Amino acid sequence: MSIVQNLESTRKAASLTQDELAQRAGVSRMTVSRIEAGMDPRLSTLQELARAMGMELMLVPRALQSEVADFVRSGGRVLGQPAGAGAPKSLVDLLDKPS
Protein backbone atom coordinates (compact mmCIF):
# COMPACT_ATOMS: atom_id res chain seq x y z
CA MET A 1 0.00 0.00 0.00
CA SER A 2 1.39 3.42 -0.93
CA ILE A 3 1.73 6.27 1.55
CA VAL A 4 -1.18 8.10 -0.07
CA GLN A 5 -3.38 4.99 0.00
CA ASN A 6 -2.47 4.46 3.64
CA LEU A 7 -3.33 8.06 4.54
CA GLU A 8 -6.63 7.86 2.64
CA SER A 9 -7.66 4.59 4.30
CA THR A 10 -6.71 6.01 7.71
CA ARG A 11 -8.77 9.14 7.02
CA LYS A 12 -11.78 7.03 6.05
CA ALA A 13 -11.36 4.69 9.03
CA ALA A 14 -11.38 7.76 11.29
CA SER A 15 -14.61 8.95 9.57
CA LEU A 16 -12.92 12.18 8.55
CA THR A 17 -14.01 14.03 5.44
CA GLN A 18 -11.39 15.48 3.13
CA ASP A 19 -12.41 18.92 4.40
CA GLU A 20 -11.98 17.94 8.07
CA LEU A 21 -8.53 16.49 7.40
CA ALA A 22 -7.57 19.55 5.38
CA GLN A 23 -8.58 21.87 8.23
CA ARG A 24 -6.61 19.83 10.78
CA ALA A 25 -3.54 19.76 8.53
CA GLY A 26 -3.72 23.40 7.48
CA VAL A 27 -4.13 22.67 3.76
CA SER A 28 -7.01 23.13 1.36
CA ARG A 29 -9.63 20.46 0.74
CA MET A 30 -8.63 20.61 -2.92
CA THR A 31 -5.07 19.62 -1.94
CA VAL A 32 -6.34 16.54 -0.08
CA SER A 33 -8.65 15.68 -2.98
CA ARG A 34 -5.88 16.03 -5.57
CA ILE A 35 -3.44 13.95 -3.53
CA GLU A 36 -5.98 11.16 -3.08
CA ALA A 37 -6.72 11.34 -6.84
CA GLY A 38 -3.07 10.75 -7.70
CA MET A 39 -1.32 14.13 -7.66
CA ASP A 40 2.32 13.79 -6.58
CA PRO A 41 2.38 15.59 -3.20
CA ARG A 42 5.18 17.39 -1.43
CA LEU A 43 6.77 15.49 1.43
CA SER A 44 5.93 18.36 3.80
CA THR A 45 2.24 18.06 2.87
CA LEU A 46 2.25 14.31 3.49
CA GLN A 47 3.87 14.94 6.88
CA GLU A 48 1.17 17.44 7.85
CA LEU A 49 -1.64 15.12 6.73
CA ALA A 50 -0.11 12.24 8.69
CA ARG A 51 0.40 14.32 11.83
CA ALA A 52 -3.18 15.60 11.63
CA MET A 53 -4.29 11.97 12.00
CA GLY A 54 -1.83 11.06 14.76
CA MET A 55 0.61 9.32 12.41
CA GLU A 56 4.26 9.86 11.67
CA LEU A 57 6.04 9.16 8.40
CA MET A 58 9.12 7.01 8.84
CA LEU A 59 11.83 6.18 6.35
CA VAL A 60 12.89 2.54 6.54
CA PRO A 61 15.78 0.96 4.67
CA ARG A 62 14.35 -1.10 1.80
CA ALA A 63 16.17 -4.20 3.05
CA LEU A 64 14.28 -3.99 6.36
CA GLN A 65 10.80 -3.05 5.10
CA SER A 66 9.40 -6.56 5.35
CA GLU A 67 10.69 -7.08 8.89
CA VAL A 68 9.48 -3.67 10.07
CA ALA A 69 6.03 -4.25 8.53
CA ASP A 70 5.80 -7.67 10.22
CA PHE A 71 6.85 -6.14 13.54
CA VAL A 72 4.24 -3.38 13.30
CA ARG A 73 1.49 -5.83 12.28
CA SER A 74 2.38 -8.03 15.24
CA GLY A 75 1.80 -5.15 17.65
CA GLY A 76 5.46 -5.03 18.63
CA ARG A 77 5.76 -8.70 19.42
CA VAL A 78 8.63 -10.77 18.19
CA LEU A 79 7.51 -13.16 15.48
CA GLY A 80 6.60 -16.50 17.00
CA GLN A 81 5.92 -14.95 20.40
CA PRO A 82 2.81 -16.53 21.91
CA ALA A 83 -0.29 -14.43 22.36
CA GLY A 84 -2.45 -14.41 25.44
CA ALA A 85 -2.32 -13.58 29.12
CA GLY A 86 0.92 -15.46 29.76
CA ALA A 87 2.82 -13.85 26.89
CA PRO A 88 5.59 -11.37 27.61
CA LYS A 89 4.64 -7.72 27.17
CA SER A 90 5.16 -6.36 23.68
CA LEU A 91 7.59 -3.57 22.98
CA VAL A 92 4.59 -1.38 22.23
CA ASP A 93 3.14 -2.10 25.70
CA LEU A 94 6.46 -1.33 27.36
CA LEU A 95 6.95 1.93 25.47
CA ASP A 96 3.38 3.01 26.14
CA LYS A 97 3.87 3.02 29.93
CA PRO A 98 5.10 6.27 31.53
CA SER A 99 8.42 5.96 33.32
PDB file of N, CA and C in Angstrom:
ATOM      1  N   MET A   1       0.854  -1.176   0.000  1.00  0.00           N
ATOM      2  CA  MET A   1       0.000   0.000   0.000  1.00  0.00           C
ATOM      3  C   MET A   1       0.900   1.239   0.000  1.00  0.00           C
ATOM      4  N   SER A   2       0.592   2.201  -0.850  1.00  0.00           N
ATOM      5  CA  SER A   2       1.387   3.423  -0.925  1.00  0.00           C
ATOM      6  C   SER A   2       1.092   4.330   0.274  1.00  0.00           C
ATOM      7  N   ILE A   3       1.934   5.310   0.454  1.00  0.00           N
ATOM      8  CA  ILE A   3       1.733   6.273   1.554  1.00  0.00           C
ATOM      9  C   ILE A   3       0.380   6.966   1.385  1.00  0.00           C
ATOM     10  N   VAL A   4       0.083   7.396   0.176  1.00  0.00           N
ATOM     11  CA  VAL A   4      -1.178   8.102  -0.071  1.00  0.00           C
ATOM     12  C   VAL A   4      -2.364   7.180   0.198  1.00  0.00           C
ATOM     13  N   GLN A   5      -2.296   5.939  -0.266  1.00  0.00           N
ATOM     14  CA  GLN A   5      -3.381   4.989  -0.001  1.00  0.00           C
ATOM     15  C   GLN A   5      -3.546   4.750   1.492  1.00  0.00           C
ATOM     16  N   ASN A   6      -2.426   4.660   2.200  1.00  0.00           N
ATOM     17  CA  ASN A   6      -2.466   4.457   3.645  1.00  0.00           C
ATOM     18  C   ASN A   6      -3.116   5.655   4.338  1.00  0.00           C
ATOM     19  N   LEU A   7      -2.737   6.861   3.938  1.00  0.00           N
ATOM     20  CA  LEU A   7      -3.334   8.060   4.539  1.00  0.00           C
ATOM     21  C   LEU A   7      -4.834   8.132   4.243  1.00  0.00           C
ATOM     22  N   GLU A   8      -5.211   7.815   2.999  1.00  0.00           N
ATOM     23  CA  GLU A   8      -6.631   7.857   2.636  1.00  0.00           C
ATOM     24  C   GLU A   8      -7.438   6.829   3.426  1.00  0.00           C
ATOM     25  N   SER A   9      -6.918   5.613   3.550  1.00  0.00           N
ATOM     26  CA  SER A   9      -7.662   4.591   4.298  1.00  0.00           C
ATOM     27  C   SER A   9      -7.736   4.947   5.778  1.00  0.00           C
ATOM     28  N   THR A  10      -6.689   5.560   6.317  1.00  0.00           N
ATOM     29  CA  THR A  10      -6.712   6.006   7.710  1.00  0.00           C
ATOM     30  C   THR A  10      -7.736   7.120   7.905  1.00  0.00           C
ATOM     31  N   ARG A  11      -7.785   8.050   6.952  1.00  0.00           N
ATOM     32  CA  ARG A  11      -8.774   9.137   7.024  1.00  0.00           C
ATOM     33  C   ARG A  11     -10.187   8.559   7.033  1.00  0.00           C
ATOM     34  N   LYS A  12     -10.442   7.632   6.139  1.00  0.00           N
ATOM     35  CA  LYS A  12     -11.780   7.033   6.048  1.00  0.00           C
ATOM     36  C   LYS A  12     -12.111   6.216   7.295  1.00  0.00           C
ATOM     37  N   ALA A  13     -11.139   5.484   7.814  1.00  0.00           N
ATOM     38  CA  ALA A  13     -11.361   4.687   9.026  1.00  0.00           C
ATOM     39  C   ALA A  13     -11.675   5.586  10.218  1.00  0.00           C
ATOM     40  N   ALA A  14     -11.122   6.799  10.213  1.00  0.00           N
ATOM     41  CA  ALA A  14     -11.375   7.760  11.289  1.00  0.00           C
ATOM     42  C   ALA A  14     -12.656   8.561  11.036  1.00  0.00           C
ATOM     43  N   SER A  15     -13.375   8.241   9.958  1.00  0.00           N
ATOM     44  CA  SER A  15     -14.606   8.945   9.574  1.00  0.00           C
ATOM     45  C   SER A  15     -14.386  10.439   9.400  1.00  0.00           C
ATOM     46  N   LEU A  16     -13.218  10.786   8.844  1.00  0.00           N
ATOM     47  CA  LEU A  16     -12.923  12.184   8.553  1.00  0.00           C
ATOM     48  C   LEU A  16     -13.226  12.469   7.094  1.00  0.00           C
ATOM     49  N   THR A  17     -13.838  13.606   6.825  1.00  0.00           N
ATOM     50  CA  THR A  17     -14.012  14.033   5.443  1.00  0.00           C
ATOM     51  C   THR A  17     -12.695  14.643   4.966  1.00  0.00           C
ATOM     52  N   GLN A  18     -12.582  14.820   3.662  1.00  0.00           N
ATOM     53  CA  GLN A  18     -11.394  15.483   3.133  1.00  0.00           C
ATOM     54  C   GLN A  18     -11.278  16.892   3.708  1.00  0.00           C
ATOM     55  N   ASP A  19     -12.410  17.562   3.856  1.00  0.00           N
ATOM     56  CA  ASP A  19     -12.409  18.925   4.402  1.00  0.00           C
ATOM     57  C   ASP A  19     -11.935  18.942   5.852  1.00  0.00           C
ATOM     58  N   GLU A  20     -12.400  17.995   6.659  1.00  0.00           N
ATOM     59  CA  GLU A  20     -11.980  17.944   8.069  1.00  0.00           C
ATOM     60  C   GLU A  20     -10.481  17.685   8.182  1.00  0.00           C
ATOM     61  N   LEU A  21      -9.970  16.759   7.376  1.00  0.00           N
ATOM     62  CA  LEU A  21      -8.532  16.494   7.402  1.00  0.00           C
ATOM     63  C   LEU A  21      -7.758  17.719   6.943  1.00  0.00           C
ATOM     64  N   ALA A  22      -8.236  18.356   5.891  1.00  0.00           N
ATOM     65  CA  ALA A  22      -7.568  19.550   5.384  1.00  0.00           C
ATOM     66  C   ALA A  22      -7.482  20.636   6.456  1.00  0.00           C
ATOM     67  N   GLN A  23      -8.568  20.857   7.176  1.00  0.00           N
ATOM     68  CA  GLN A  23      -8.575  21.870   8.231  1.00  0.00           C
ATOM     69  C   GLN A  23      -7.579  21.520   9.330  1.00  0.00           C
ATOM     70  N   ARG A  24      -7.549  20.257   9.744  1.00  0.00           N
ATOM     71  CA  ARG A  24      -6.607  19.828  10.784  1.00  0.00           C
ATOM     72  C   ARG A  24      -5.154  19.986  10.342  1.00  0.00           C
ATOM     73  N   ALA A  25      -4.911  19.742   9.052  1.00  0.00           N
ATOM     74  CA  ALA A  25      -3.540  19.758   8.529  1.00  0.00           C
ATOM     75  C   ALA A  25      -3.107  21.144   8.049  1.00  0.00           C
ATOM     76  N   GLY A  26      -4.061  22.059   7.942  1.00  0.00           N
ATOM     77  CA  GLY A  26      -3.718  23.403   7.478  1.00  0.00           C
ATOM     78  C   GLY A  26      -3.480  23.477   5.974  1.00  0.00           C
ATOM     79  N   VAL A  27      -4.199  22.646   5.223  1.00  0.00           N
ATOM     80  CA  VAL A  27      -4.126  22.675   3.763  1.00  0.00           C
ATOM     81  C   VAL A  27      -5.542  22.808   3.228  1.00  0.00           C
ATOM     82  N   SER A  28      -5.675  23.001   1.931  1.00  0.00           N
ATOM     83  CA  SER A  28      -7.013  23.127   1.355  1.00  0.00           C
ATOM     84  C   SER A  28      -7.625  21.748   1.114  1.00  0.00           C
ATOM     85  N   ARG A  29      -8.949  21.704   1.056  1.00  0.00           N
ATOM     86  CA  ARG A  29      -9.631  20.457   0.740  1.00  0.00           C
ATOM     87  C   ARG A  29      -9.236  19.991  -0.651  1.00  0.00           C
ATOM     88  N   MET A  30      -9.031  20.946  -1.562  1.00  0.00           N
ATOM     89  CA  MET A  30      -8.631  20.612  -2.925  1.00  0.00           C
ATOM     90  C   MET A  30      -7.275  19.896  -2.924  1.00  0.00           C
ATOM     91  N   THR A  31      -6.380  20.289  -2.041  1.00  0.00           N
ATOM     92  CA  THR A  31      -5.074  19.621  -1.942  1.00  0.00           C
ATOM     93  C   THR A  31      -5.262  18.165  -1.537  1.00  0.00           C
ATOM     94  N   VAL A  32      -6.080  17.922  -0.522  1.00  0.00           N
ATOM     95  CA  VAL A  32      -6.343  16.545  -0.079  1.00  0.00           C
ATOM     96  C   VAL A  32      -6.975  15.758  -1.216  1.00  0.00           C
ATOM     97  N   SER A  33      -7.962  16.346  -1.881  1.00  0.00           N
ATOM     98  CA  SER A  33      -8.647  15.680  -2.978  1.00  0.00           C
ATOM     99  C   SER A  33      -7.678  15.331  -4.110  1.00  0.00           C
ATOM    100  N   ARG A  34      -6.831  16.262  -4.480  1.00  0.00           N
ATOM    101  CA  ARG A  34      -5.880  16.030  -5.572  1.00  0.00           C
ATOM    102  C   ARG A  34      -4.860  14.947  -5.202  1.00  0.00           C
ATOM    103  N   ILE A  35      -4.393  14.974  -3.972  1.00  0.00           N
ATOM    104  CA  ILE A  35      -3.436  13.946  -3.534  1.00  0.00           C
ATOM    105  C   ILE A  35      -4.076  12.572  -3.591  1.00  0.00           C
ATOM    106  N   GLU A  36      -5.282  12.454  -3.075  1.00  0.00           N
ATOM    107  CA  GLU A  36      -5.980  11.163  -3.085  1.00  0.00           C
ATOM    108  C   GLU A  36      -6.323  10.710  -4.508  1.00  0.00           C
ATOM    109  N   ALA A  37      -6.421  11.665  -5.442  1.00  0.00           N
ATOM    110  CA  ALA A  37      -6.717  11.338  -6.836  1.00  0.00           C
ATOM    111  C   ALA A  37      -5.458  10.999  -7.634  1.00  0.00           C
ATOM    112  N   GLY A  38      -4.292  11.159  -7.013  1.00  0.00           N
ATOM    113  CA  GLY A  38      -3.073  10.753  -7.702  1.00  0.00           C
ATOM    114  C   GLY A  38      -2.043  11.838  -7.932  1.00  0.00           C
ATOM    115  N   MET A  39      -2.312  13.074  -7.518  1.00  0.00           N
ATOM    116  CA  MET A  39      -1.316  14.128  -7.664  1.00  0.00           C
ATOM    117  C   MET A  39      -0.100  13.799  -6.806  1.00  0.00           C
ATOM    118  N   ASP A  40       1.080  14.056  -7.321  1.00  0.00           N
ATOM    119  CA  ASP A  40       2.317  13.789  -6.585  1.00  0.00           C
ATOM    120  C   ASP A  40       2.510  14.889  -5.533  1.00  0.00           C
ATOM    121  N   PRO A  41       2.328  14.555  -4.247  1.00  0.00           N
ATOM    122  CA  PRO A  41       2.379  15.591  -3.196  1.00  0.00           C
ATOM    123  C   PRO A  41       3.798  15.907  -2.745  1.00  0.00           C
ATOM    124  N   ARG A  42       3.922  17.028  -2.095  1.00  0.00           N
ATOM    125  CA  ARG A  42       5.180  17.388  -1.430  1.00  0.00           C
ATOM    126  C   ARG A  42       5.300  16.554  -0.161  1.00  0.00           C
ATOM    127  N   LEU A  43       6.530  16.243   0.209  1.00  0.00           N
ATOM    128  CA  LEU A  43       6.773  15.491   1.435  1.00  0.00           C
ATOM    129  C   LEU A  43       6.222  16.249   2.637  1.00  0.00           C
ATOM    130  N   SER A  44       6.413  17.564   2.663  1.00  0.00           N
ATOM    131  CA  SER A  44       5.928  18.356   3.801  1.00  0.00           C
ATOM    132  C   SER A  44       4.411  18.279   3.938  1.00  0.00           C
ATOM    133  N   THR A  45       3.698  18.189   2.819  1.00  0.00           N
ATOM    134  CA  THR A  45       2.235  18.064   2.869  1.00  0.00           C
ATOM    135  C   THR A  45       1.840  16.698   3.411  1.00  0.00           C
ATOM    136  N   LEU A  46       2.520  15.651   2.959  1.00  0.00           N
ATOM    137  CA  LEU A  46       2.251  14.312   3.492  1.00  0.00           C
ATOM    138  C   LEU A  46       2.495  14.267   4.993  1.00  0.00           C
ATOM    139  N   GLN A  47       3.562  14.920   5.437  1.00  0.00           N
ATOM    140  CA  GLN A  47       3.869  14.940   6.877  1.00  0.00           C
ATOM    141  C   GLN A  47       2.751  15.619   7.655  1.00  0.00           C
ATOM    142  N   GLU A  48       2.243  16.722   7.158  1.00  0.00           N
ATOM    143  CA  GLU A  48       1.167  17.437   7.854  1.00  0.00           C
ATOM    144  C   GLU A  48      -0.123  16.624   7.874  1.00  0.00           C
ATOM    145  N   LEU A  49      -0.442  15.965   6.766  1.00  0.00           N
ATOM    146  CA  LEU A  49      -1.639  15.123   6.733  1.00  0.00           C
ATOM    147  C   LEU A  49      -1.504  13.968   7.727  1.00  0.00           C
ATOM    148  N   ALA A  50      -0.339  13.358   7.757  1.00  0.00           N
ATOM    149  CA  ALA A  50      -0.109  12.244   8.686  1.00  0.00           C
ATOM    150  C   ALA A  50      -0.224  12.724  10.132  1.00  0.00           C
ATOM    151  N   ARG A  51       0.442  13.803  10.455  1.00  0.00           N
ATOM    152  CA  ARG A  51       0.400  14.324  11.832  1.00  0.00           C
ATOM    153  C   ARG A  51      -1.007  14.698  12.254  1.00  0.00           C
ATOM    154  N   ALA A  52      -1.798  15.209  11.315  1.00  0.00           N
ATOM    155  CA  ALA A  52      -3.176  15.599  11.626  1.00  0.00           C
ATOM    156  C   ALA A  52      -4.025  14.387  12.013  1.00  0.00           C
ATOM    157  N   MET A  53      -3.558  13.197  11.651  1.00  0.00           N
ATOM    158  CA  MET A  53      -4.291  11.968  12.002  1.00  0.00           C
ATOM    159  C   MET A  53      -3.539  11.137  13.028  1.00  0.00           C
ATOM    160  N   GLY A  54      -2.556  11.758  13.713  1.00  0.00           N
ATOM    161  CA  GLY A  54      -1.830  11.057  14.762  1.00  0.00           C
ATOM    162  C   GLY A  54      -0.838  10.035  14.241  1.00  0.00           C
ATOM    163  N   MET A  55      -0.363  10.239  13.016  1.00  0.00           N
ATOM    164  CA  MET A  55       0.607   9.319  12.413  1.00  0.00           C
ATOM    165  C   MET A  55       1.928  10.050  12.203  1.00  0.00           C
ATOM    166  N   GLU A  56       2.944   9.288  11.960  1.00  0.00           N
ATOM    167  CA  GLU A  56       4.257   9.856  11.668  1.00  0.00           C
ATOM    168  C   GLU A  56       4.852   9.088  10.499  1.00  0.00           C
ATOM    169  N   LEU A  57       5.365   9.815   9.513  1.00  0.00           N
ATOM    170  CA  LEU A  57       6.040   9.161   8.403  1.00  0.00           C
ATOM    171  C   LEU A  57       7.412   8.714   8.878  1.00  0.00           C
ATOM    172  N   MET A  58       7.826   7.541   8.421  1.00  0.00           N
ATOM    173  CA  MET A  58       9.119   7.009   8.844  1.00  0.00           C
ATOM    174  C   MET A  58       9.804   6.382   7.645  1.00  0.00           C
ATOM    175  N   LEU A  59      11.050   6.777   7.423  1.00  0.00           N
ATOM    176  CA  LEU A  59      11.831   6.179   6.354  1.00  0.00           C
ATOM    177  C   LEU A  59      12.481   4.915   6.896  1.00  0.00           C
ATOM    178  N   VAL A  60      12.360   3.840   6.130  1.00  0.00           N
ATOM    179  CA  VAL A  60      12.886   2.541   6.538  1.00  0.00           C
ATOM    180  C   VAL A  60      13.772   2.026   5.407  1.00  0.00           C
ATOM    181  N   PRO A  61      14.949   1.539   5.725  1.00  0.00           N
ATOM    182  CA  PRO A  61      15.777   0.961   4.665  1.00  0.00           C
ATOM    183  C   PRO A  61      15.010  -0.141   3.937  1.00  0.00           C
ATOM    184  N   ARG A  62      15.095  -0.136   2.623  1.00  0.00           N
ATOM    185  CA  ARG A  62      14.350  -1.099   1.804  1.00  0.00           C
ATOM    186  C   ARG A  62      14.600  -2.535   2.260  1.00  0.00           C
ATOM    187  N   ALA A  63      15.832  -2.841   2.640  1.00  0.00           N
ATOM    188  CA  ALA A  63      16.174  -4.203   3.047  1.00  0.00           C
ATOM    189  C   ALA A  63      15.448  -4.627   4.321  1.00  0.00           C
ATOM    190  N   LEU A  64      14.955  -3.672   5.097  1.00  0.00           N
ATOM    191  CA  LEU A  64      14.285  -3.988   6.359  1.00  0.00           C
ATOM    192  C   LEU A  64      12.773  -3.790   6.310  1.00  0.00           C
ATOM    193  N   GLN A  65      12.227  -3.366   5.181  1.00  0.00           N
ATOM    194  CA  GLN A  65      10.803  -3.054   5.100  1.00  0.00           C
ATOM    195  C   GLN A  65       9.918  -4.228   5.507  1.00  0.00           C
ATOM    196  N   SER A  66      10.220  -5.395   5.032  1.00  0.00           N
ATOM    197  CA  SER A  66       9.396  -6.559   5.354  1.00  0.00           C
ATOM    198  C   SER A  66       9.404  -6.841   6.850  1.00  0.00           C
ATOM    199  N   GLU A  67      10.587  -6.813   7.464  1.00  0.00           N
ATOM    200  CA  GLU A  67      10.695  -7.084   8.895  1.00  0.00           C
ATOM    201  C   GLU A  67       9.981  -6.018   9.727  1.00  0.00           C
ATOM    202  N   VAL A  68      10.138  -4.760   9.335  1.00  0.00           N
ATOM    203  CA  VAL A  68       9.482  -3.670  10.071  1.00  0.00           C
ATOM    204  C   VAL A  68       7.961  -3.798   9.933  1.00  0.00           C
ATOM    205  N   ALA A  69       7.475  -4.087   8.736  1.00  0.00           N
ATOM    206  CA  ALA A  69       6.033  -4.252   8.527  1.00  0.00           C
ATOM    207  C   ALA A  69       5.497  -5.411   9.365  1.00  0.00           C
ATOM    208  N   ASP A  70       6.223  -6.535   9.391  1.00  0.00           N
ATOM    209  CA  ASP A  70       5.798  -7.674  10.219  1.00  0.00           C
ATOM    210  C   ASP A  70       5.761  -7.294  11.693  1.00  0.00           C
ATOM    211  N   PHE A  71       6.765  -6.558  12.150  1.00  0.00           N
ATOM    212  CA  PHE A  71       6.846  -6.137  13.544  1.00  0.00           C
ATOM    213  C   PHE A  71       5.663  -5.237  13.909  1.00  0.00           C
ATOM    214  N   VAL A  72       5.358  -4.291  13.035  1.00  0.00           N
ATOM    215  CA  VAL A  72       4.242  -3.378  13.296  1.00  0.00           C
ATOM    216  C   VAL A  72       2.925  -4.148  13.314  1.00  0.00           C
ATOM    217  N   ARG A  73       2.722  -5.032  12.324  1.00  0.00           N
ATOM    218  CA  ARG A  73       1.489  -5.828  12.278  1.00  0.00           C
ATOM    219  C   ARG A  73       1.344  -6.707  13.509  1.00  0.00           C
ATOM    220  N   SER A  74       2.450  -7.138  14.081  1.00  0.00           N
ATOM    221  CA  SER A  74       2.382  -8.025  15.242  1.00  0.00           C
ATOM    222  C   SER A  74       2.140  -7.264  16.536  1.00  0.00           C
ATOM    223  N   GLY A  75       2.031  -5.946  16.447  1.00  0.00           N
ATOM    224  CA  GLY A  75       1.802  -5.148  17.648  1.00  0.00           C
ATOM    225  C   GLY A  75       3.048  -5.033  18.506  1.00  0.00           C
ATOM    226  N   GLY A  76       4.212  -5.167  17.889  1.00  0.00           N
ATOM    227  CA  GLY A  76       5.463  -5.029  18.630  1.00  0.00           C
ATOM    228  C   GLY A  76       5.952  -6.322  19.239  1.00  0.00           C
ATOM    229  N   ARG A  77       5.330  -7.408  18.879  1.00  0.00           N
ATOM    230  CA  ARG A  77       5.757  -8.700  19.421  1.00  0.00           C
ATOM    231  C   ARG A  77       6.741  -9.356  18.462  1.00  0.00           C
ATOM    232  N   VAL A  78       7.686 -10.034  18.999  1.00  0.00           N
ATOM    233  CA  VAL A  78       8.631 -10.775  18.191  1.00  0.00           C
ATOM    234  C   VAL A  78       7.864 -11.870  17.464  1.00  0.00           C
ATOM    235  N   LEU A  79       8.201 -12.105  16.217  1.00  0.00           N
ATOM    236  CA  LEU A  79       7.513 -13.161  15.475  1.00  0.00           C
ATOM    237  C   LEU A  79       7.659 -14.474  16.224  1.00  0.00           C
ATOM    238  N   GLY A  80       6.590 -15.215  16.296  1.00  0.00           N
ATOM    239  CA  GLY A  80       6.602 -16.496  16.995  1.00  0.00           C
ATOM    240  C   GLY A  80       6.329 -16.368  18.484  1.00  0.00           C
ATOM    241  N   GLN A  81       6.216 -15.157  18.986  1.00  0.00           N
ATOM    242  CA  GLN A  81       5.920 -14.955  20.402  1.00  0.00           C
ATOM    243  C   GLN A  81       4.466 -15.333  20.646  1.00  0.00           C
ATOM    244  N   PRO A  82       4.195 -16.106  21.666  1.00  0.00           N
ATOM    245  CA  PRO A  82       2.813 -16.527  21.910  1.00  0.00           C
ATOM    246  C   PRO A  82       1.933 -15.355  22.331  1.00  0.00           C
ATOM    247  N   ALA A  83       0.690 -15.438  21.936  1.00  0.00           N
ATOM    248  CA  ALA A  83      -0.291 -14.429  22.356  1.00  0.00           C
ATOM    249  C   ALA A  83      -0.961 -14.901  23.633  1.00  0.00           C
ATOM    250  N   GLY A  84      -1.673 -14.024  24.269  1.00  0.00           N
ATOM    251  CA  GLY A  84      -2.450 -14.415  25.436  1.00  0.00           C
ATOM    252  C   GLY A  84      -1.920 -13.827  26.727  1.00  0.00           C
ATOM    253  N   ALA A  85      -2.612 -14.166  27.817  1.00  0.00           N
ATOM    254  CA  ALA A  85      -2.317 -13.576  29.124  1.00  0.00           C
ATOM    255  C   ALA A  85      -0.913 -13.908  29.617  1.00  0.00           C
ATOM    256  N   GLY A  86      -0.390 -15.079  29.271  1.00  0.00           N
ATOM    257  CA  GLY A  86       0.924 -15.464  29.760  1.00  0.00           C
ATOM    258  C   GLY A  86       2.080 -14.984  28.902  1.00  0.00           C
ATOM    259  N   ALA A  87       1.767 -14.300  27.800  1.00  0.00           N
ATOM    260  CA  ALA A  87       2.822 -13.849  26.888  1.00  0.00           C
ATOM    261  C   ALA A  87       3.577 -12.675  27.488  1.00  0.00           C
ATOM    262  N   PRO A  88       4.846 -12.543  27.155  1.00  0.00           N
ATOM    263  CA  PRO A  88       5.588 -11.366  27.609  1.00  0.00           C
ATOM    264  C   PRO A  88       4.983 -10.107  27.004  1.00  0.00           C
ATOM    265  N   LYS A  89       5.157  -8.992  27.679  1.00  0.00           N
ATOM    266  CA  LYS A  89       4.640  -7.724  27.171  1.00  0.00           C
ATOM    267  C   LYS A  89       5.337  -7.393  25.858  1.00  0.00           C
ATOM    268  N   SER A  90       4.582  -6.778  24.947  1.00  0.00           N
ATOM    269  CA  SER A  90       5.162  -6.361  23.680  1.00  0.00           C
ATOM    270  C   SER A  90       5.976  -5.090  23.897  1.00  0.00           C
ATOM    271  N   LEU A  91       6.823  -4.805  22.940  1.00  0.00           N
ATOM    272  CA  LEU A  91       7.593  -3.574  22.980  1.00  0.00           C
ATOM    273  C   LEU A  91       6.656  -2.380  22.996  1.00  0.00           C
ATOM    274  N   VAL A  92       5.561  -2.467  22.258  1.00  0.00           N
ATOM    275  CA  VAL A  92       4.589  -1.381  22.230  1.00  0.00           C
ATOM    276  C   VAL A  92       4.017  -1.158  23.631  1.00  0.00           C
ATOM    277  N   ASP A  93       3.667  -2.237  24.344  1.00  0.00           N
ATOM    278  CA  ASP A  93       3.139  -2.100  25.704  1.00  0.00           C
ATOM    279  C   ASP A  93       4.163  -1.464  26.622  1.00  0.00           C
ATOM    280  N   LEU A  94       5.414  -1.862  26.502  1.00  0.00           N
ATOM    281  CA  LEU A  94       6.462  -1.326  27.361  1.00  0.00           C
ATOM    282  C   LEU A  94       6.722   0.141  27.085  1.00  0.00           C
ATOM    283  N   LEU A  95       6.700   0.540  25.826  1.00  0.00           N
ATOM    284  CA  LEU A  95       6.950   1.932  25.469  1.00  0.00           C
ATOM    285  C   LEU A  95       5.775   2.830  25.793  1.00  0.00           C
ATOM    286  N   ASP A  96       4.583   2.251  25.880  1.00  0.00           N
ATOM    287  CA  ASP A  96       3.375   3.011  26.137  1.00  0.00           C
ATOM    288  C   ASP A  96       3.240   3.409  27.607  1.00  0.00           C
ATOM    289  N   LYS A  97       3.954   2.742  28.490  1.00  0.00           N
ATOM    290  CA  LYS A  97       3.867   3.023  29.929  1.00  0.00           C
ATOM    291  C   LYS A  97       4.774   4.199  30.297  1.00  0.00           C
ATOM    292  N   PRO A  98       4.252   5.165  31.069  1.00  0.00           N
ATOM    293  CA  PRO A  98       5.102   6.273  31.525  1.00  0.00           C
ATOM    294  C   PRO A  98       6.169   5.758  32.492  1.00  0.00           C
ATOM    295  N   SER A  99       7.313   6.381  32.445  1.00  0.00           N
ATOM    296  CA  SER A  99       8.424   5.957  33.320  1.00  0.00           C
ATOM    297  C   SER A  99       8.189   6.337  34.759  1.00  0.00           C
TER     298      SER A  99
END
